[in-house]
Structures are given as C-alpha cells and as structure tokens.
Protein backbone atom coordinates (compact mmCIF):
# COMPACT_ATOMS: atom_id res chain seq x y z
CA MET A 1 -43.14 -15.15 1.13
CA THR A 2 -40.96 -17.74 -0.58
CA TRP A 3 -39.23 -17.64 -3.94
CA SER A 4 -42.01 -19.79 -5.33
CA ALA A 5 -44.47 -17.02 -4.46
CA VAL A 6 -42.30 -14.45 -6.19
CA LEU A 7 -42.09 -16.60 -9.31
CA LEU A 8 -45.82 -17.25 -9.30
CA VAL A 9 -46.61 -13.54 -8.98
CA THR A 10 -44.23 -12.89 -11.85
CA VAL A 11 -45.92 -15.47 -14.08
CA VAL A 12 -49.44 -14.23 -13.25
CA VAL A 13 -48.61 -10.58 -13.91
CA TRP A 14 -46.71 -11.39 -17.09
CA ALA A 15 -49.65 -13.47 -18.35
CA VAL A 16 -52.00 -10.59 -17.59
CA SER A 17 -49.67 -8.17 -19.39
CA VAL A 18 -49.83 -10.07 -22.69
CA ILE A 19 -53.62 -10.50 -22.66
CA ARG A 20 -55.41 -7.88 -24.76
CA SER A 21 -58.93 -8.29 -23.39
CA VAL A 22 -59.60 -6.39 -20.17
CA ARG A 23 -62.29 -8.90 -19.19
CA LEU A 24 -59.93 -11.85 -19.58
CA ARG A 25 -57.20 -9.96 -17.74
CA ALA A 26 -59.49 -9.52 -14.75
CA LEU A 27 -60.46 -13.19 -14.81
CA VAL A 28 -56.85 -14.38 -14.87
CA TYR A 29 -55.90 -11.99 -12.08
CA SER A 30 -58.80 -13.20 -9.92
CA LEU A 31 -57.41 -16.75 -9.80
CA PRO A 32 -56.58 -17.38 -6.09
CA LEU A 33 -53.00 -18.43 -6.80
CA PRO A 34 -51.31 -15.87 -4.50
CA MET A 35 -53.89 -16.66 -1.80
CA THR A 36 -53.06 -20.33 -2.07
CA LEU A 37 -49.34 -19.71 -1.70
CA ALA A 38 -49.93 -17.35 1.24
CA LEU A 39 -52.04 -19.97 3.02
CA VAL A 40 -49.47 -22.68 2.34
CA SER A 41 -46.39 -20.70 3.31
CA THR A 42 -47.74 -18.84 6.37
CA PRO A 43 -49.36 -20.03 9.63
CA TYR A 44 -52.43 -17.86 9.10
CA GLY A 45 -55.89 -19.23 8.38
CA VAL A 46 -59.06 -17.66 7.06
CA GLY A 47 -61.43 -15.71 9.27
CA GLY A 48 -63.71 -12.72 9.05
CA ALA A 49 -60.86 -10.29 8.45
CA GLN A 50 -59.66 -12.21 5.38
CA VAL A 51 -63.13 -12.24 3.81
CA LEU A 52 -63.34 -8.48 4.26
CA GLY A 53 -59.88 -8.38 2.74
CA VAL A 54 -61.52 -9.10 -0.63
CA LEU A 55 -63.16 -5.70 -0.28
CA GLY A 56 -59.69 -4.35 0.33
CA LEU A 57 -58.58 -5.76 -3.02
CA ASN A 58 -61.41 -3.91 -4.74
CA LEU A 59 -60.66 -0.71 -2.83
CA PHE A 60 -57.05 -1.00 -3.92
CA PHE A 61 -57.98 -0.95 -7.62
CA VAL A 62 -60.61 1.76 -7.17
CA THR A 63 -58.07 3.95 -5.37
CA VAL A 64 -55.47 3.44 -8.09
CA ALA A 65 -58.05 4.15 -10.80
CA VAL A 66 -59.31 7.35 -9.19
CA THR A 67 -55.90 8.75 -8.33
CA HIS A 68 -54.31 7.85 -11.68
CA GLN A 69 -57.09 8.48 -14.19
CA ARG A 70 -59.14 11.15 -12.45
CA MET A 71 -56.52 12.97 -10.36
CA ARG A 72 -53.71 12.40 -12.90
CA TRP A 73 -51.23 11.01 -10.39
CA PRO A 74 -48.28 9.01 -11.78
CA ILE A 75 -49.11 5.32 -11.79
CA LEU A 76 -46.46 4.39 -9.20
CA LEU A 77 -47.73 7.09 -6.83
CA ALA A 78 -51.30 5.88 -7.40
CA ASP A 79 -50.13 2.34 -6.66
CA GLY A 80 -48.68 3.59 -3.39
CA ALA A 81 -52.00 5.21 -2.51
CA GLY A 82 -53.79 1.92 -3.18
CA ILE A 83 -51.36 0.04 -0.96
CA GLY A 84 -51.85 2.66 1.76
CA VAL A 85 -55.62 2.15 1.65
CA TYR A 86 -55.24 -1.61 1.88
CA VAL A 87 -52.75 -1.41 4.77
CA ALA A 88 -54.98 1.03 6.66
CA LEU A 89 -58.00 -1.24 6.18
CA SER A 90 -55.96 -4.24 7.29
CA ALA A 91 -54.83 -2.48 10.46
CA GLY A 92 -58.44 -1.72 11.34
CA LEU A 93 -59.63 -5.25 10.63
CA LEU A 94 -56.85 -6.85 12.65
CA ALA A 95 -57.58 -4.61 15.63
CA VAL A 96 -61.02 -6.20 16.23
CA ASP A 97 -62.38 -9.71 16.26
CA ILE A 98 -64.96 -10.01 13.48
CA PRO A 99 -67.20 -13.10 13.42
CA PHE A 100 -66.92 -14.87 10.10
CA GLU A 101 -70.65 -14.92 9.38
CA VAL A 102 -70.97 -11.19 10.05
CA ALA A 103 -68.04 -10.44 7.76
CA LEU A 104 -69.43 -12.72 5.05
CA ALA A 105 -72.87 -11.10 5.18
CA ALA A 106 -71.38 -7.60 5.02
CA THR A 107 -69.16 -8.59 2.10
CA LEU A 108 -72.04 -10.06 0.12
CA VAL A 109 -74.25 -7.00 0.70
CA LEU A 110 -71.52 -4.61 -0.40
CA TRP A 111 -70.68 -6.81 -3.40
CA LEU A 112 -74.31 -6.81 -4.54
CA ALA A 113 -74.54 -3.03 -4.15
CA ALA A 114 -71.37 -2.58 -6.22
CA VAL A 115 -72.62 -4.90 -8.98
CA LEU A 116 -75.94 -3.07 -9.21
CA LEU A 117 -74.12 0.25 -9.44
CA LEU A 118 -71.84 -1.08 -12.18
CA ARG A 119 -74.81 -2.39 -14.17
CA ARG A 120 -76.46 1.00 -13.98
CA ARG A 121 -73.32 2.69 -15.24
CA ALA A 122 -73.01 0.10 -18.01
CA ARG A 123 -76.53 0.87 -19.24
CA LEU A 124 -75.66 4.56 -19.37
CA ARG A 125 -72.50 3.84 -21.35
CA THR A 126 -74.25 1.65 -23.89
CA ALA A 127 -76.60 4.52 -24.66
CA ALA A 128 -73.70 6.27 -26.40
CA ALA A 129 -72.93 5.59 -30.02
CA ASP A 130 -69.31 4.58 -29.44
CA ASP A 131 -68.46 1.98 -26.78
CA PRO A 132 -65.32 3.11 -24.87
CA VAL A 133 -64.87 -0.33 -23.34
CA ALA A 134 -64.46 -1.99 -26.73
CA VAL A 135 -61.76 0.51 -27.64
CA ALA A 136 -59.92 0.08 -24.33
CA GLU A 137 -59.87 -3.69 -24.57
CA THR A 138 -57.59 -3.65 -27.60
CA ARG A 139 -54.92 -1.31 -26.26
CA THR A 140 -51.42 -2.52 -25.50
CA ASP A 141 -48.62 -0.91 -23.53
CA GLY A 142 -45.98 -1.39 -26.22
CA LEU A 143 -43.17 -2.78 -24.01
CA PRO A 144 -41.32 -5.88 -25.21
CA ALA A 145 -42.52 -9.04 -23.47
CA LEU A 146 -39.03 -9.97 -22.21
CA LEU A 147 -38.47 -6.50 -20.71
CA LYS A 148 -41.84 -6.72 -19.03
CA LEU A 149 -40.85 -10.05 -17.51
CA VAL A 150 -37.69 -8.60 -15.96
CA VAL A 151 -39.46 -5.54 -14.56
CA ILE A 152 -42.30 -7.65 -13.19
CA PHE A 153 -39.86 -10.04 -11.50
CA VAL A 154 -38.09 -7.19 -9.68
CA GLY A 155 -41.43 -5.69 -8.69
CA ALA A 156 -42.66 -9.05 -7.41
CA ILE A 157 -39.67 -9.31 -5.05
CA LEU A 158 -40.35 -5.86 -3.59
CA THR A 159 -44.06 -6.56 -3.29
CA ALA A 160 -43.47 -9.87 -1.51
CA LEU A 161 -41.23 -8.15 1.03
CA LEU A 162 -43.95 -5.59 1.70
CA GLY A 163 -46.61 -8.27 2.12
CA THR A 164 -44.74 -9.98 4.95
CA VAL A 165 -45.57 -7.20 7.43
CA LEU A 166 -49.34 -7.64 7.26
CA ARG A 167 -49.76 -10.73 9.46
CA GLY A 168 -53.09 -12.42 8.71
CA MET A 169 -54.03 -9.94 6.01
CA VAL A 170 -51.10 -11.19 3.96
CA VAL A 171 -53.59 -13.76 2.59
CA THR A 172 -55.47 -11.18 0.54
CA PHE A 173 -52.67 -8.68 -0.05
CA PRO A 174 -52.64 -7.61 -3.73
CA TYR A 175 -49.23 -9.08 -4.55
CA SER A 176 -49.77 -9.24 -8.28
CA GLY A 177 -52.38 -6.47 -8.13
CA VAL A 178 -49.73 -3.84 -7.51
CA LEU A 179 -48.03 -4.77 -10.77
CA VAL A 180 -51.22 -5.56 -12.68
CA ALA A 181 -52.42 -2.02 -11.96
CA VAL A 182 -49.33 -0.73 -13.77
CA GLU A 183 -49.99 -3.00 -16.74
CA ALA A 184 -53.69 -2.10 -16.93
CA ARG A 185 -53.19 1.60 -16.18
CA ARG A 186 -55.05 2.72 -19.33
CA GLN A 187 -58.09 0.55 -18.53
CA LEU A 188 -58.22 0.75 -14.74
CA PHE A 189 -61.92 1.57 -14.42
CA GLU A 190 -62.93 -1.16 -16.88
CA PHE A 191 -60.58 -3.63 -15.19
CA SER A 192 -61.92 -2.73 -11.74
CA GLY A 193 -65.48 -3.28 -12.89
CA HIS A 194 -64.72 -6.77 -14.18
CA PHE A 195 -62.73 -7.64 -11.07
CA VAL A 196 -65.59 -6.59 -8.79
CA ARG A 197 -67.78 -9.26 -10.32
CA ASN A 198 -65.03 -11.90 -10.28
CA SER A 199 -64.21 -11.18 -6.63
CA LEU A 200 -67.32 -13.08 -5.57
CA ALA A 201 -65.49 -16.25 -6.61
CA LEU A 202 -62.67 -15.29 -4.23
CA VAL A 203 -65.24 -14.94 -1.46
CA GLY A 204 -66.39 -18.47 -2.31
CA PHE A 205 -62.80 -19.71 -2.13
CA LEU A 206 -62.21 -18.18 1.32
CA THR A 207 -65.59 -19.32 2.64
CA ALA A 208 -65.01 -22.94 1.66
CA TYR A 209 -61.49 -22.83 3.08
CA HIS A 210 -62.75 -21.39 6.38
CA TYR A 211 -65.32 -24.13 7.00
CA VAL A 212 -62.98 -26.98 6.02
CA GLN A 213 -59.66 -25.73 7.41
CA GLY A 214 -60.23 -27.71 10.63
CA VAL A 215 -59.87 -30.95 8.67
CA SER A 216 -56.54 -30.25 6.97
CA PRO A 217 -54.97 -27.46 4.90
CA ALA A 218 -54.86 -29.67 1.82
CA VAL A 219 -58.55 -30.53 2.02
CA ALA A 220 -59.38 -26.89 2.70
CA LEU A 221 -57.46 -25.77 -0.38
CA GLY A 222 -59.21 -28.36 -2.51
CA ALA A 223 -62.60 -27.23 -1.25
CA GLY A 224 -61.65 -23.61 -1.83
CA TRP A 225 -60.66 -24.19 -5.45
CA VAL A 226 -63.83 -26.15 -6.12
CA ALA A 227 -65.92 -23.34 -4.66
CA PHE A 228 -64.01 -20.80 -6.72
CA ALA A 229 -64.61 -22.77 -9.93
CA VAL A 230 -68.32 -23.20 -9.21
CA VAL A 231 -68.90 -19.53 -8.42
CA ALA A 232 -66.79 -18.35 -11.37
CA ALA A 233 -68.77 -20.61 -13.72
CA ALA A 234 -72.03 -19.30 -12.29
CA LEU A 235 -70.87 -15.74 -12.88
CA HIS A 236 -69.77 -16.21 -16.50
CA LEU A 237 -71.69 -19.05 -18.12
CA PRO A 238 -75.18 -17.55 -17.69
CA LEU A 239 -74.02 -14.40 -19.47
CA ARG A 240 -73.11 -16.38 -22.58
CA SER A 241 -76.31 -18.37 -22.57
CA ARG A 242 -78.40 -15.24 -22.12
CA GLY A 243 -76.54 -13.57 -24.95
CA ALA A 244 -77.14 -16.56 -27.21
CA ALA A 245 -80.79 -16.81 -26.25
CA GLY A 246 -81.40 -13.10 -26.53
CA ALA A 247 -79.89 -12.80 -29.98
CA SER A 248 -82.79 -12.80 -32.37
CA PRO A 249 -82.24 -14.24 -35.85
CA PRO A 250 -81.84 -11.73 -38.63
CA ARG A 251 -85.16 -10.64 -40.02
CA ARG A 252 -85.84 -10.84 -43.70
CA VAL A 253 -86.60 -7.44 -45.09
CA SER A 254 -89.36 -7.71 -47.61
CA ARG A 255 -89.49 -5.20 -50.40
CA PRO A 256 -92.83 -3.59 -51.17
CA LEU A 257 -94.45 -4.96 -54.29
CA ARG A 258 -94.36 -2.65 -57.22
CA PRO A 259 -97.72 -1.89 -58.77
CA ALA A 260 -98.28 -3.49 -62.12
CA ALA A 261 -97.47 -1.26 -65.03
CA ASP A 262 -100.47 0.28 -66.73
CA PRO A 263 -101.13 -0.99 -70.24
CA PRO A 264 -99.96 1.36 -72.97
CA THR A 265 -102.51 3.91 -73.90
CA PRO A 266 -103.39 3.71 -77.62
CA THR A 267 -102.46 6.84 -79.47
CA GLY A 268 -104.62 6.31 -82.51
CA LEU A 269 -108.41 6.31 -82.88
CA PRO A 270 -110.16 2.93 -83.29
C-alpha cells in the first residue's frame, strides 16, 4: 500500500476515535475508503473471494470482541487473534475458485441470519430497565487527540505492511479495523452489531464494482460508491421514519371529576 493509503487509514481511525456514538463510529468505519485505495493501488479486482471477505471483516471484530471482553485477553493480543482469523479465512478462499454469484448468495444468507440474531438479542436487552448500549455510547478512552493521531499513524504503517502479503484479499483486509478495535475496545460487541448491518452496503459496493469492472476501474469505482450510498440509505433512513411514525403523541391524562360537595346540613330545627 502507498503512503496515501497509510494517511487515509490514519484519518479514518482518528475520526472514529473522536466520535462518541458507537453507531456513528460503525457507520464511518464502514465507508469503503480503504477498499477504494486497495483497488486503485493494486492489480486485483473483485470476485467471489472478495465478497466473502466482508464476512471476514465481521469475523475479525467478533473474534476481537470475544477474546478481549469475554476471555479477558489484552486488546493487542485480541487484535492479533482477529488478524489470524482473517488471514486463515483468506488462505482458504484464495485456494479455491468461488463463482461470484455463489459467494454473493452465501454472503446475503449469512448476513440475514446475523441480523435476525442481533434483533433477537436487542429485544432481550430492551426488556431490562437499564439500557447498556446507551451507557456504552458515551464512553471515551481519555487519550489526548494529538497522541492518538501519532499512535494511529504508526499503527497504520505496520498494518499496511501486513496487508501487502494477502494478494487479492488485500481488498477487504481490515486496515483501519485493527486500530478501530483498539479505540472501541470498551464497546466491541455493540460496535460489531452495528457494523454487521452496515456491512451490507460494502457488499453492494463490491457487487457493483464486480459487474462494471470490465468497463474501466474509474467507472467501476463510481458504480460501487453509488451502490454503497443507496444500500446505506436503505438501511438507515427507514429506521428513522419508522421511529417517527411509531411515536405516538403524548396522551392527555384526564383527572376524575370530583363529586359535588353535599349541601351543609342544617343544625337547627325549622
């Protein structure tokens, strides 16, 4: 990867680090900026393996979340485990020729199953009195922004060097994800859940690029970004409209009428 890729990864991760909302963090991270640079700066295109690579991105975050928050591994060791899972998956995908349509169908089925599972877990969480997600979304890591920028820049260089050994799977390698996982280490499960939903937009980006890449790389990138924007809007806008439509206006609470006071009883005889 080029220096421009390193700088872009640095900017993306730094932007994610200063965002307080976990949901917005996941949305910013899901922007296909590293994918775009990988497609521009390498001779690799998009095929079935790259679409399944989106599943590898999700497995990376799930692995880091489980090893760090459940198994109590240090975050850097958990990051290494996530990279190991992605590299192992990439080696298996590159060893076979996967038709694009088969890979796309499998990715969509697995994405739908993951979303349904997350919705079921969300309903169970909302049954509790306190919402842990709302608390997690306001946490910060406490490091100065300038210090974060320096650390992220050094990490981006090391991550870019690692990504160069993956051949075609370099397109979906979690360049900024390795560093974002460190930044979001206290909200990894919440972050992973939001990213699972947003990853469908990445599938749209890769699908559009695949079918148009025979025309020219520039046209394919334009089609990919349009597809990403359309899918991302479809994922997020209906949620707001449903929330607005489902919110019932406040009901007026009517007080019960008090019975009329009885007339005073005369104390004297007529």
